[in-house]
Amino acid sequence: MKVIFLEIEGVLINRVSRNTARLLQKQHVAFAPCVHALNLIASHTNASLVVTHGLRSMGLGWLVAQFKEWEVTAKVVDVTPSPSISVANSIIRWFGLAESPGSYEAGLGKVESFVILAPEPMHDAKLSPHLIRTQADYGLTKEQAEEAIRILS
């Protein structure tokens, strides 16, 4: 299995979409070009999504419905644990669960490759080579999507 660890804020939701959400009086609006870039990764790699922070607390069902509304084509399979820790530590804990026999995460399949899409730096030597660091004001770009495809392939 190929995995995209996805931080929604700063990757799919950027400055423009936050302003749009305010104007439409909606809580969350994704920026269409960022969604398109994520869909490009998914279509080229068949990777699944694990939501890493922030909105993961809304629950997997809410995320699936929200991503469908935003026209995200990648399948959301899980969220990382421990909302009060850093993105890096939550990913490390997720991998620990994925190696635990009988856990939901272990049932998803062996992780062949992964990429992390987030605006925060990764201060972990094992994770940082897999990071595509976005700019929170702009979100995920086509060029970053192409780099993610290279990492996952």
Protein backbone atom coordinates (compact mmCIF):
# COMPACT_ATOMS: atom_id res chain seq x y z
CA MET A 1 0.00 0.00 0.00
CA LYS A 2 1.13 3.52 -0.79
CA VAL A 3 0.17 6.16 1.77
CA ILE A 4 -0.24 9.92 1.62
CA PHE A 5 -0.12 11.38 5.13
CA LEU A 6 -2.20 14.51 4.66
CA GLU A 7 -2.38 17.64 6.75
CA ILE A 8 -5.51 19.37 5.43
CA GLU A 9 -4.78 22.92 6.65
CA GLY A 10 -2.04 24.41 4.51
CA VAL A 11 -2.29 21.64 1.91
CA LEU A 12 -5.91 21.63 0.67
CA ILE A 13 -7.10 24.65 2.64
CA ASN A 14 -5.11 27.80 1.92
CA ARG A 15 -5.50 31.56 2.34
CA VAL A 16 -7.91 31.89 -0.62
CA SER A 17 -10.15 29.02 0.49
CA ARG A 18 -10.25 30.29 4.09
CA ASN A 19 -11.48 33.66 2.79
CA THR A 20 -13.99 31.92 0.53
CA ALA A 21 -15.28 29.88 3.48
CA ARG A 22 -15.85 33.10 5.45
CA LEU A 23 -17.73 34.70 2.55
CA LEU A 24 -19.89 31.59 2.06
CA GLN A 25 -20.32 31.22 5.81
CA LYS A 26 -18.97 27.68 5.61
CA GLN A 27 -16.60 26.09 8.06
CA HIS A 28 -14.22 24.47 5.53
CA VAL A 29 -13.61 25.01 1.83
CA ALA A 30 -10.77 23.37 -0.09
CA PHE A 31 -8.94 25.23 -2.85
CA ALA A 32 -9.75 23.48 -6.15
CA PRO A 33 -6.19 23.65 -7.62
CA CYS A 34 -4.86 22.01 -4.43
CA VAL A 35 -7.47 19.26 -4.70
CA HIS A 36 -6.51 18.79 -8.34
CA ALA A 37 -2.85 18.41 -7.33
CA LEU A 38 -3.77 15.80 -4.69
CA ASN A 39 -5.92 13.94 -7.23
CA LEU A 40 -2.94 13.94 -9.62
CA ILE A 41 -0.89 12.10 -6.98
CA ALA A 42 -3.69 9.63 -6.32
CA SER A 43 -4.31 8.90 -10.01
CA HIS A 44 -0.62 8.24 -10.70
CA THR A 45 0.14 6.18 -7.59
CA ASN A 46 -3.15 4.70 -6.32
CA ALA A 47 -2.11 5.88 -2.84
CA SER A 48 -4.54 6.01 0.09
CA LEU A 49 -4.96 8.93 2.49
CA VAL A 50 -4.22 9.00 6.21
CA VAL A 51 -5.25 12.35 7.70
CA THR A 52 -2.61 13.53 10.15
CA HIS A 53 -3.80 16.48 12.16
CA GLY A 54 -6.45 19.07 12.85
CA LEU A 55 -9.61 17.95 11.12
CA ARG A 56 -8.95 14.27 11.85
CA SER A 57 -10.79 14.87 15.12
CA MET A 58 -14.00 15.22 13.08
CA GLY A 59 -13.88 11.46 12.48
CA LEU A 60 -13.32 9.20 9.49
CA GLY A 61 -16.96 9.34 8.34
CA TRP A 62 -16.98 13.14 8.27
CA LEU A 63 -13.66 13.20 6.40
CA VAL A 64 -14.91 10.76 3.76
CA ALA A 65 -18.04 12.87 3.20
CA GLN A 66 -16.08 16.15 3.17
CA PHE A 67 -13.51 14.81 0.72
CA LYS A 68 -16.31 13.60 -1.55
CA GLU A 69 -17.82 17.12 -1.48
CA TRP A 70 -14.41 18.56 -2.34
CA GLU A 71 -14.05 15.98 -5.16
CA VAL A 72 -10.95 14.35 -3.68
CA THR A 73 -10.52 11.04 -5.52
CA ALA A 74 -8.07 9.32 -3.16
CA LYS A 75 -9.55 6.91 -0.61
CA VAL A 76 -9.38 8.04 3.03
CA VAL A 77 -8.45 4.93 5.03
CA ASP A 78 -7.43 6.24 8.45
CA VAL A 79 -6.42 9.09 10.73
CA THR A 80 -3.32 9.26 12.88
CA PRO A 81 -3.63 8.90 16.66
CA SER A 82 -2.92 11.43 19.40
CA PRO A 83 -4.26 14.85 18.38
CA SER A 84 -2.18 16.66 21.02
CA ILE A 85 1.22 15.70 19.61
CA SER A 86 3.15 16.84 16.55
CA VAL A 87 2.42 15.62 13.05
CA ALA A 88 5.74 13.71 13.03
CA ASN A 89 5.03 11.94 16.33
CA SER A 90 1.49 11.06 15.26
CA ILE A 91 2.87 9.46 12.05
CA ILE A 92 5.46 7.52 14.07
CA ARG A 93 2.67 6.27 16.36
CA TRP A 94 0.56 5.32 13.33
CA PHE A 95 3.43 3.19 11.99
CA GLY A 96 3.69 1.54 15.42
CA LEU A 97 0.01 0.59 15.21
CA ALA A 98 0.49 -0.65 11.63
CA GLU A 99 3.06 -3.13 12.97
CA SER A 100 0.76 -4.38 15.77
CA PRO A 101 -0.88 -7.68 14.81
CA GLY A 102 -4.66 -7.45 14.89
CA SER A 103 -4.82 -3.64 14.77
CA TYR A 104 -6.98 -1.85 12.23
CA GLU A 105 -3.86 -0.22 10.78
CA ALA A 106 -2.11 -3.58 10.35
CA GLY A 107 -5.16 -4.77 8.41
CA LEU A 108 -4.70 -2.02 5.83
CA GLY A 109 -1.64 -3.79 4.41
CA LYS A 110 2.11 -3.32 4.34
CA VAL A 111 3.23 0.23 3.57
CA GLU A 112 5.40 0.09 0.44
CA SER A 113 6.03 3.81 0.24
CA PHE A 114 4.70 7.00 1.74
CA VAL A 115 4.76 10.75 1.40
CA ILE A 116 3.86 13.44 3.92
CA LEU A 117 2.05 16.57 2.72
CA ALA A 118 2.25 19.24 5.42
CA PRO A 119 3.29 22.86 5.95
CA GLU A 120 5.31 21.99 9.08
CA PRO A 121 8.93 20.81 9.02
CA MET A 122 9.73 17.23 10.06
CA HIS A 123 12.47 16.98 12.67
CA ASP A 124 12.83 13.24 12.28
CA ALA A 125 15.57 11.73 10.11
CA LYS A 126 13.33 8.87 8.93
CA LEU A 127 10.38 11.09 8.01
CA SER A 128 11.98 14.23 6.57
CA PRO A 129 12.99 12.63 3.21
CA HIS A 130 9.29 11.83 2.66
CA LEU A 131 8.05 15.37 3.36
CA ILE A 132 6.63 17.68 0.73
CA ARG A 133 6.47 20.91 2.69
CA THR A 134 3.72 23.19 1.42
CA GLN A 135 3.29 26.88 2.12
CA ALA A 136 0.17 27.42 4.22
CA ASP A 137 -0.89 30.46 2.18
CA TYR A 138 -0.79 28.56 -1.12
CA GLY A 139 -1.29 24.87 -0.34
CA LEU A 140 -0.27 21.95 -2.55
CA THR A 141 1.01 22.84 -6.02
CA LYS A 142 1.28 20.77 -9.19
CA GLU A 143 5.09 20.80 -8.90
CA GLN A 144 4.89 19.45 -5.35
CA ALA A 145 2.42 16.80 -6.54
CA GLU A 146 4.95 15.69 -9.16
CA GLU A 147 7.63 15.41 -6.46
CA ALA A 148 5.21 13.35 -4.30
CA ILE A 149 4.65 11.01 -7.25
CA ARG A 150 8.42 10.51 -7.51
CA ILE A 151 8.68 9.73 -3.80
CA LEU A 152 5.80 7.23 -3.93
CA SER A 153 7.08 5.53 -7.10
